Amino acid sequence: MTDVILETENLCKNYAGLAANKNLNLQLYKGEIHALIGPNGAGKSTAIAQLSGELSPTSGKIFFKGKDVTVKPVFERSRMGVSRSFQVTSVFDDMTVLDNLALAIQAHHGHSYYFWRAINKNKALNQQACDLAEQFGLKQHHQLLAGSLAHGEKRQLEVAMTLAGNPQVLLLDEPMAGIGPGGSKQLTELLDGLRGQYSMLLVEHDMDAVFALADRISVLVYGEILATGTVDEIRNNEKVQQAYLGQSS
């Protein structure tokens, strides 16, 4: 993995004089799963929001495939191939699993105005949605309302929706949040099955998932990257142990 697909250069985000991110230099390689970890309030979600285009940095730059996208809005980055999930599950509870996936596919292809047509009238769309449902272990639930799913299944659905536009980069903001050990294990296995197909930046507190998935880990503390390395390098880093891994949280 030598090709950098997403990169930040001295990225800073300030709020009323407080630095949420400070001189953030982060590289995501093509096909890599890169975990961004750190204590609550370290600036992880702020970093993700800047990478996706939801927040504008105070200073610094963001590059996607070598192109400066610092001022590009969310929809342009999405069309270029950058997709994200959120800490809080964002699905349409009153729609079926299949309809959630179909809407995501249509939106990414710029045809959301067709959504009110019955899904079974578009065989190609129906097949794409069914394929995503099957890939994420939701085939048996595809006609159920999303609101009836267990929380872990909703998280699976949300990650599946991020793949609707065939992105190149997935920005995953705490996908394991709020799900039990069984659901976390299942979602970890699903993400592991995507290894090499997508470049993933994973923000996560579930260290079992992080250590199982990450090719590299960057540790963020007080808005700055304390260390970047392999799982073993981060586990054995004394500064990281003192700042984060040694905590009882």
C-alpha atoms as a PDB file:
ATOM      1  CA  MET A   1       0.000   0.000   0.000  1.00  0.00           C
ATOM      2  CA  THR A   2       1.896   2.981  -1.287  1.00  0.00           C
ATOM      3  CA  ASP A   3      -0.727   5.025  -3.135  1.00  0.00           C
ATOM      4  CA  VAL A   4      -2.179   7.808  -0.994  1.00  0.00           C
ATOM      5  CA  ILE A   5      -5.862   8.302  -1.808  1.00  0.00           C
ATOM      6  CA  LEU A   6      -6.882  10.784   0.930  1.00  0.00           C
ATOM      7  CA  GLU A   7      -4.531  13.140   2.728  1.00  0.00           C
ATOM      8  CA  THR A   8      -4.556  16.148   5.028  1.00  0.00           C
ATOM      9  CA  GLU A   9      -1.845  18.790   5.236  1.00  0.00           C
ATOM     10  CA  ASN A  10      -1.551  20.760   8.481  1.00  0.00           C
ATOM     11  CA  LEU A  11      -5.337  20.645   8.935  1.00  0.00           C
ATOM     12  CA  CYS A  12      -6.636  22.880  11.704  1.00  0.00           C
ATOM     13  CA  LYS A  13     -10.130  23.534  13.034  1.00  0.00           C
ATOM     14  CA  ASN A  14     -10.683  26.155  15.726  1.00  0.00           C
ATOM     15  CA  TYR A  15     -13.800  26.983  17.696  1.00  0.00           C
ATOM     16  CA  ALA A  16     -13.717  30.295  19.577  1.00  0.00           C
ATOM     17  CA  GLY A  17      -9.964  30.028  19.899  1.00  0.00           C
ATOM     18  CA  LEU A  18      -9.970  26.360  20.930  1.00  0.00           C
ATOM     19  CA  ALA A  19      -8.251  23.900  18.594  1.00  0.00           C
ATOM     20  CA  ALA A  20     -10.403  20.856  17.798  1.00  0.00           C
ATOM     21  CA  ASN A  21      -7.785  19.747  15.263  1.00  0.00           C
ATOM     22  CA  LYS A  22      -4.236  21.071  15.164  1.00  0.00           C
ATOM     23  CA  ASN A  23      -1.775  20.537  12.311  1.00  0.00           C
ATOM     24  CA  LEU A  24      -3.395  17.245  11.357  1.00  0.00           C
ATOM     25  CA  ASN A  25      -1.262  15.336   8.846  1.00  0.00           C
ATOM     26  CA  LEU A  26      -3.044  12.111   7.978  1.00  0.00           C
ATOM     27  CA  GLN A  27      -2.607   9.756   5.037  1.00  0.00           C
ATOM     28  CA  LEU A  28      -5.050   7.067   3.936  1.00  0.00           C
ATOM     29  CA  TYR A  29      -3.611   4.575   1.459  1.00  0.00           C
ATOM     30  CA  LYS A  30      -5.556   2.905  -1.303  1.00  0.00           C
ATOM     31  CA  GLY A  31      -7.151  -0.305   0.000  1.00  0.00           C
ATOM     32  CA  GLU A  32      -6.119   0.418   3.583  1.00  0.00           C
ATOM     33  CA  ILE A  33      -8.190   0.260   6.759  1.00  0.00           C
ATOM     34  CA  HIS A  34      -6.823   3.102   8.875  1.00  0.00           C
ATOM     35  CA  ALA A  35      -8.241   3.571  12.369  1.00  0.00           C
ATOM     36  CA  LEU A  36      -8.370   6.961  14.067  1.00  0.00           C
ATOM     37  CA  ILE A  37      -8.649   6.516  17.830  1.00  0.00           C
ATOM     38  CA  GLY A  38      -8.416   8.697  20.896  1.00  0.00           C
ATOM     39  CA  PRO A  39     -10.262   9.860  24.024  1.00  0.00           C
ATOM     40  CA  ASN A  40     -13.658  11.538  23.856  1.00  0.00           C
ATOM     41  CA  GLY A  41     -13.226  15.131  22.704  1.00  0.00           C
ATOM     42  CA  ALA A  42      -9.943  14.417  20.917  1.00  0.00           C
ATOM     43  CA  GLY A  43     -11.299  15.788  17.626  1.00  0.00           C
ATOM     44  CA  LYS A  44     -11.958  12.539  15.736  1.00  0.00           C
ATOM     45  CA  SER A  45     -15.463  13.377  14.521  1.00  0.00           C
ATOM     46  CA  THR A  46     -14.330  16.905  13.668  1.00  0.00           C
ATOM     47  CA  ALA A  47     -11.634  15.416  11.455  1.00  0.00           C
ATOM     48  CA  ILE A  48     -14.141  13.115   9.742  1.00  0.00           C
ATOM     49  CA  ALA A  49     -16.540  16.023   9.177  1.00  0.00           C
ATOM     50  CA  GLN A  50     -13.797  18.032   7.484  1.00  0.00           C
ATOM     51  CA  LEU A  51     -12.773  15.125   5.295  1.00  0.00           C
ATOM     52  CA  SER A  52     -16.371  14.612   4.161  1.00  0.00           C
ATOM     53  CA  GLY A  53     -16.900  18.330   3.509  1.00  0.00           C
ATOM     54  CA  GLU A  54     -19.433  18.989   6.265  1.00  0.00           C
ATOM     55  CA  LEU A  55     -17.041  21.316   8.077  1.00  0.00           C
ATOM     56  CA  SER A  56     -14.615  23.788   6.546  1.00  0.00           C
ATOM     57  CA  PRO A  57     -11.143  23.819   8.091  1.00  0.00           C
ATOM     58  CA  THR A  58      -9.762  26.953   9.695  1.00  0.00           C
ATOM     59  CA  SER A  59      -6.532  26.312   7.816  1.00  0.00           C
ATOM     60  CA  GLY A  60      -4.715  23.523   6.058  1.00  0.00           C
ATOM     61  CA  LYS A  61      -5.613  21.412   3.050  1.00  0.00           C
ATOM     62  CA  ILE A  62      -7.357  18.166   2.107  1.00  0.00           C
ATOM     63  CA  PHE A  63      -6.367  16.143  -0.961  1.00  0.00           C
ATOM     64  CA  PHE A  64      -8.294  13.322  -2.639  1.00  0.00           C
ATOM     65  CA  LYS A  65      -6.260  11.353  -5.195  1.00  0.00           C
ATOM     66  CA  GLY A  66      -3.814  14.246  -5.312  1.00  0.00           C
ATOM     67  CA  LYS A  67      -6.484  16.875  -6.009  1.00  0.00           C
ATOM     68  CA  ASP A  68      -7.106  19.722  -3.578  1.00  0.00           C
ATOM     69  CA  VAL A  69     -10.706  19.288  -2.348  1.00  0.00           C
ATOM     70  CA  THR A  70     -10.468  21.568   0.687  1.00  0.00           C
ATOM     71  CA  VAL A  71     -13.341  23.792  -0.444  1.00  0.00           C
ATOM     72  CA  LYS A  72     -15.385  21.099  -2.199  1.00  0.00           C
ATOM     73  CA  PRO A  73     -18.864  20.600  -0.663  1.00  0.00           C
ATOM     74  CA  VAL A  74     -20.207  17.262   0.545  1.00  0.00           C
ATOM     75  CA  PHE A  75     -22.106  16.373  -2.631  1.00  0.00           C
ATOM     76  CA  GLU A  76     -19.061  16.939  -4.845  1.00  0.00           C
ATOM     77  CA  ARG A  77     -16.828  14.793  -2.643  1.00  0.00           C
ATOM     78  CA  SER A  78     -19.533  12.134  -2.609  1.00  0.00           C
ATOM     79  CA  ARG A  79     -19.651  12.118  -6.407  1.00  0.00           C
ATOM     80  CA  MET A  80     -15.862  11.903  -6.487  1.00  0.00           C
ATOM     81  CA  GLY A  81     -15.986   8.798  -4.316  1.00  0.00           C
ATOM     82  CA  VAL A  82     -15.935   9.816  -0.632  1.00  0.00           C
ATOM     83  CA  SER A  83     -18.779   8.444   1.492  1.00  0.00           C
ATOM     84  CA  ARG A  84     -19.376   8.533   5.257  1.00  0.00           C
ATOM     85  CA  SER A  85     -21.496   7.049   8.005  1.00  0.00           C
ATOM     86  CA  PHE A  86     -22.451   8.762  11.259  1.00  0.00           C
ATOM     87  CA  GLN A  87     -22.258   8.115  15.012  1.00  0.00           C
ATOM     88  CA  VAL A  88     -26.044   8.360  15.239  1.00  0.00           C
ATOM     89  CA  THR A  89     -27.784   5.880  12.966  1.00  0.00           C
ATOM     90  CA  SER A  90     -29.230   7.692   9.951  1.00  0.00           C
ATOM     91  CA  VAL A  91     -31.808   5.491   8.241  1.00  0.00           C
ATOM     92  CA  PHE A  92     -35.459   6.028   7.342  1.00  0.00           C
ATOM     93  CA  ASP A  93     -37.357   4.033   9.956  1.00  0.00           C
ATOM     94  CA  ASP A  94     -40.701   4.199   8.102  1.00  0.00           C
ATOM     95  CA  MET A  95     -39.253   2.736   4.919  1.00  0.00           C
ATOM     96  CA  THR A  96     -38.250  -0.850   4.194  1.00  0.00           C
ATOM     97  CA  VAL A  97     -34.653  -1.980   4.175  1.00  0.00           C
ATOM     98  CA  LEU A  98     -34.849  -2.356   0.402  1.00  0.00           C
ATOM     99  CA  ASP A  99     -36.315   1.134  -0.054  1.00  0.00           C
ATOM    100  CA  ASN A 100     -33.589   2.675   2.119  1.00  0.00           C
ATOM    101  CA  LEU A 101     -30.963   1.054  -0.072  1.00  0.00           C
ATOM    102  CA  ALA A 102     -32.783   1.968  -3.283  1.00  0.00           C
ATOM    103  CA  LEU A 103     -33.053   5.615  -2.254  1.00  0.00           C
ATOM    104  CA  ALA A 104     -29.337   5.719  -1.460  1.00  0.00           C
ATOM    105  CA  ILE A 105     -28.513   4.200  -4.856  1.00  0.00           C
ATOM    106  CA  GLN A 106     -30.766   6.641  -6.686  1.00  0.00           C
ATOM    107  CA  ALA A 107     -29.385   9.641  -4.821  1.00  0.00           C
ATOM    108  CA  HIS A 108     -25.802   8.701  -5.675  1.00  0.00           C
ATOM    109  CA  HIS A 109     -26.718   8.313  -9.330  1.00  0.00           C
ATOM    110  CA  GLY A 110     -28.606  11.596  -9.451  1.00  0.00           C
ATOM    111  CA  HIS A 111     -31.995  10.001 -10.044  1.00  0.00           C
ATOM    112  CA  SER A 112     -33.707  10.432  -6.680  1.00  0.00           C
ATOM    113  CA  TYR A 113     -36.693  12.006  -8.411  1.00  0.00           C
ATOM    114  CA  TYR A 114     -37.605   8.506  -9.609  1.00  0.00           C
ATOM    115  CA  PHE A 115     -37.959   7.286  -6.071  1.00  0.00           C
ATOM    116  CA  TRP A 116     -41.751   7.533  -5.962  1.00  0.00           C
ATOM    117  CA  ARG A 117     -42.027   4.920  -8.680  1.00  0.00           C
ATOM    118  CA  ALA A 118     -42.587   1.409  -7.307  1.00  0.00           C
ATOM    119  CA  ILE A 119     -39.208  -0.204  -6.772  1.00  0.00           C
ATOM    120  CA  ASN A 120     -40.235  -3.404  -8.540  1.00  0.00           C
ATOM    121  CA  LYS A 121     -40.644  -1.415 -11.762  1.00  0.00           C
ATOM    122  CA  ASN A 122     -36.901  -0.838 -11.912  1.00  0.00           C
ATOM    123  CA  LYS A 123     -35.293  -4.255 -12.126  1.00  0.00           C
ATOM    124  CA  ALA A 124     -31.718  -2.960 -12.184  1.00  0.00           C
ATOM    125  CA  LEU A 125     -32.269  -0.810  -9.111  1.00  0.00           C
ATOM    126  CA  ASN A 126     -34.081  -3.616  -7.328  1.00  0.00           C
ATOM    127  CA  GLN A 127     -31.193  -5.984  -8.048  1.00  0.00           C
ATOM    128  CA  GLN A 128     -28.570  -3.527  -6.774  1.00  0.00           C
ATOM    129  CA  ALA A 129     -30.515  -2.986  -3.563  1.00  0.00           C
ATOM    130  CA  CYS A 130     -30.983  -6.735  -3.073  1.00  0.00           C
ATOM    131  CA  ASP A 131     -27.283  -7.339  -3.665  1.00  0.00           C
ATOM    132  CA  LEU A 132     -26.352  -4.777  -0.992  1.00  0.00           C
ATOM    133  CA  ALA A 133     -28.854  -6.291   1.430  1.00  0.00           C
ATOM    134  CA  GLU A 134     -27.387  -9.746   0.882  1.00  0.00           C
ATOM    135  CA  GLN A 135     -23.800  -8.510   1.177  1.00  0.00           C
ATOM    136  CA  PHE A 136     -24.571  -7.049   4.597  1.00  0.00           C
ATOM    137  CA  GLY A 137     -26.580  -9.950   5.971  1.00  0.00           C
ATOM    138  CA  LEU A 138     -29.933  -8.204   5.574  1.00  0.00           C
ATOM    139  CA  LYS A 139     -31.470 -10.213   2.742  1.00  0.00           C
ATOM    140  CA  GLN A 140     -33.957 -11.915   5.058  1.00  0.00           C
ATOM    141  CA  HIS A 141     -35.053  -8.497   6.362  1.00  0.00           C
ATOM    142  CA  HIS A 142     -35.267  -6.603   3.075  1.00  0.00           C
ATOM    143  CA  GLN A 143     -39.055  -6.156   3.192  1.00  0.00           C
ATOM    144  CA  LEU A 144     -39.127  -5.136   6.862  1.00  0.00           C
ATOM    145  CA  LEU A 145     -39.374  -1.529   7.970  1.00  0.00           C
ATOM    146  CA  ALA A 146     -35.951  -0.257   8.990  1.00  0.00           C
ATOM    147  CA  GLY A 147     -37.454   0.901  12.292  1.00  0.00           C
ATOM    148  CA  SER A 148     -38.167  -2.717  13.240  1.00  0.00           C
ATOM    149  CA  LEU A 149     -34.518  -3.771  12.953  1.00  0.00           C
ATOM    150  CA  ALA A 150     -32.281  -4.324  15.942  1.00  0.00           C
ATOM    151  CA  HIS A 151     -29.765  -1.542  16.495  1.00  0.00           C
ATOM    152  CA  GLY A 152     -26.876  -3.620  15.173  1.00  0.00           C
ATOM    153  CA  GLU A 153     -28.836  -4.416  12.014  1.00  0.00           C
ATOM    154  CA  LYS A 154     -29.555  -0.716  11.533  1.00  0.00           C
ATOM    155  CA  ARG A 155     -25.825  -0.048  11.693  1.00  0.00           C
ATOM    156  CA  GLN A 156     -25.285  -2.728   9.041  1.00  0.00           C
ATOM    157  CA  LEU A 157     -27.947  -1.053   6.889  1.00  0.00           C
ATOM    158  CA  GLU A 158     -26.327   2.350   7.271  1.00  0.00           C
ATOM    159  CA  VAL A 159     -22.910   1.049   6.232  1.00  0.00           C
ATOM    160  CA  ALA A 160     -24.546  -0.717   3.287  1.00  0.00           C
ATOM    161  CA  MET A 161     -26.104   2.623   2.271  1.00  0.00           C
ATOM    162  CA  THR A 162     -22.659   4.252   2.231  1.00  0.00           C
ATOM    163  CA  LEU A 163     -21.670   1.739  -0.470  1.00  0.00           C
ATOM    164  CA  ALA A 164     -24.612   2.622  -2.709  1.00  0.00           C
ATOM    165  CA  GLY A 165     -22.575   4.973  -4.870  1.00  0.00           C
ATOM    166  CA  ASN A 166     -19.605   2.605  -5.283  1.00  0.00           C
ATOM    167  CA  PRO A 167     -17.299   4.938  -3.337  1.00  0.00           C
ATOM    168  CA  GLN A 168     -13.544   4.639  -3.168  1.00  0.00           C
ATOM    169  CA  VAL A 169     -13.223   5.962   0.401  1.00  0.00           C
ATOM    170  CA  LEU A 170     -15.423   5.101   3.383  1.00  0.00           C
ATOM    171  CA  LEU A 171     -15.368   7.422   6.394  1.00  0.00           C
ATOM    172  CA  LEU A 172     -16.853   5.351   9.216  1.00  0.00           C
ATOM    173  CA  ASP A 173     -17.685   7.296  12.375  1.00  0.00           C
ATOM    174  CA  GLU A 174     -18.082   4.804  15.244  1.00  0.00           C
ATOM    175  CA  PRO A 175     -20.013   2.108  13.353  1.00  0.00           C
ATOM    176  CA  MET A 176     -19.984  -0.121  16.466  1.00  0.00           C
ATOM    177  CA  ALA A 177     -21.584   2.552  18.687  1.00  0.00           C
ATOM    178  CA  GLY A 178     -24.435   1.220  20.795  1.00  0.00           C
ATOM    179  CA  ILE A 179     -24.341  -2.386  19.621  1.00  0.00           C
ATOM    180  CA  GLY A 180     -23.522  -5.398  21.773  1.00  0.00           C
ATOM    181  CA  PRO A 181     -20.551  -7.757  21.462  1.00  0.00           C
ATOM    182  CA  GLY A 182     -22.389 -10.071  19.064  1.00  0.00           C
ATOM    183  CA  GLY A 183     -23.416  -7.266  16.726  1.00  0.00           C
ATOM    184  CA  SER A 184     -19.968  -5.712  16.905  1.00  0.00           C
ATOM    185  CA  LYS A 185     -18.352  -9.013  15.974  1.00  0.00           C
ATOM    186  CA  GLN A 186     -20.712  -9.433  13.027  1.00  0.00           C
ATOM    187  CA  LEU A 187     -20.148  -5.906  11.723  1.00  0.00           C
ATOM    188  CA  THR A 188     -16.392  -6.322  12.166  1.00  0.00           C
ATOM    189  CA  GLU A 189     -16.525  -9.443  10.015  1.00  0.00           C
ATOM    190  CA  LEU A 190     -18.580  -7.635   7.374  1.00  0.00           C
ATOM    191  CA  LEU A 191     -16.108  -4.740   7.227  1.00  0.00           C
ATOM    192  CA  ASP A 192     -13.202  -7.177   7.111  1.00  0.00           C
ATOM    193  CA  GLY A 193     -14.874  -8.757   4.090  1.00  0.00           C
ATOM    194  CA  LEU A 194     -14.592  -5.391   2.311  1.00  0.00           C
ATOM    195  CA  ARG A 195     -10.848  -5.214   2.896  1.00  0.00           C
ATOM    196  CA  GLY A 196      -8.963  -4.148  -0.219  1.00  0.00           C
ATOM    197  CA  GLN A 197     -12.141  -3.164  -2.064  1.00  0.00           C
ATOM    198  CA  TYR A 198     -12.365   0.230  -0.368  1.00  0.00           C
ATOM    199  CA  SER A 199     -10.080   2.579   1.514  1.00  0.00           C
ATOM    200  CA  MET A 200     -11.522   3.022   5.004  1.00  0.00           C
ATOM    201  CA  LEU A 201     -10.900   5.589   7.715  1.00  0.00           C
ATOM    202  CA  LEU A 202     -12.425   4.121  10.855  1.00  0.00           C
ATOM    203  CA  VAL A 203     -13.179   6.170  13.968  1.00  0.00           C
ATOM    204  CA  GLU A 204     -13.973   3.696  16.719  1.00  0.00           C
ATOM    205  CA  HIS A 205     -13.833   3.175  20.490  1.00  0.00           C
ATOM    206  CA  ASP A 206     -14.278  -0.608  20.290  1.00  0.00           C
ATOM    207  CA  MET A 207     -10.637  -1.590  20.499  1.00  0.00           C
ATOM    208  CA  ASP A 208     -11.331  -5.248  19.701  1.00  0.00           C
ATOM    209  CA  ALA A 209     -12.765  -4.095  16.369  1.00  0.00           C
ATOM    210  CA  VAL A 210      -9.908  -1.635  15.820  1.00  0.00           C
ATOM    211  CA  PHE A 211      -7.194  -4.208  16.482  1.00  0.00           C
ATOM    212  CA  ALA A 212      -8.984  -6.792  14.303  1.00  0.00           C
ATOM    213  CA  LEU A 213      -9.457  -4.449  11.346  1.00  0.00           C
ATOM    214  CA  ALA A 214      -6.758  -1.791  11.226  1.00  0.00           C
ATOM    215  CA  ASP A 215      -3.750  -1.966   8.948  1.00  0.00           C
ATOM    216  CA  ARG A 216      -2.544   1.218  10.624  1.00  0.00           C
ATOM    217  CA  ILE A 217      -3.733   3.303  13.560  1.00  0.00           C
ATOM    218  CA  SER A 218      -3.388   7.010  14.280  1.00  0.00           C
ATOM    219  CA  VAL A 219      -3.923   8.190  17.851  1.00  0.00           C
ATOM    220  CA  LEU A 220      -5.489  11.622  18.270  1.00  0.00           C
ATOM    221  CA  VAL A 221      -5.080  13.462  21.585  1.00  0.00           C
ATOM    222  CA  TYR A 222      -6.124  17.088  22.161  1.00  0.00           C
ATOM    223  CA  GLY A 223      -6.637  17.504  18.417  1.00  0.00           C
ATOM    224  CA  GLU A 224      -3.134  16.369  17.444  1.00  0.00           C
ATOM    225  CA  ILE A 225      -1.825  13.049  16.181  1.00  0.00           C
ATOM    226  CA  LEU A 226       0.305  11.537  18.920  1.00  0.00           C
ATOM    227  CA  ALA A 227       1.448   8.498  16.944  1.00  0.00           C
ATOM    228  CA  THR A 228       0.761   6.491  13.787  1.00  0.00           C
ATOM    229  CA  GLY A 229       1.748   2.878  13.271  1.00  0.00           C
ATOM    230  CA  THR A 230       0.733  -0.740  12.981  1.00  0.00           C
ATOM    231  CA  VAL A 231      -1.419  -2.405  15.626  1.00  0.00           C
ATOM    232  CA  ASP A 232       1.637  -3.797  17.417  1.00  0.00           C
ATOM    233  CA  GLU A 233       3.482  -0.480  17.238  1.00  0.00           C
ATOM    234  CA  ILE A 234       0.545   1.379  18.773  1.00  0.00           C
ATOM    235  CA  ARG A 235      -0.062  -1.262  21.434  1.00  0.00           C
ATOM    236  CA  ASN A 236       3.566  -1.028  22.533  1.00  0.00           C
ATOM    237  CA  ASN A 237       3.867   2.772  22.359  1.00  0.00           C
ATOM    238  CA  GLU A 238       4.341   4.090  25.917  1.00  0.00           C
ATOM    239  CA  LYS A 239       3.000   7.542  25.092  1.00  0.00           C
ATOM    240  CA  VAL A 240      -0.159   6.005  23.621  1.00  0.00           C
ATOM    241  CA  GLN A 241      -0.599   3.749  26.633  1.00  0.00           C
ATOM    242  CA  GLN A 242      -0.371   6.735  28.969  1.00  0.00           C
ATOM    243  CA  ALA A 243      -2.620   8.971  26.900  1.00  0.00           C
ATOM    244  CA  TYR A 244      -5.300   6.513  25.819  1.00  0.00           C
ATOM    245  CA  LEU A 245      -4.915   2.741  25.899  1.00  0.00           C
ATOM    246  CA  GLY A 246      -4.012   2.756  29.584  1.00  0.00           C
ATOM    247  CA  GLN A 247      -7.287   4.451  30.476  1.00  0.00           C
ATOM    248  CA  SER A 248      -9.976   2.361  32.073  1.00  0.00           C
ATOM    249  CA  SER A 249     -12.686   3.662  29.730  1.00  0.00           C
END
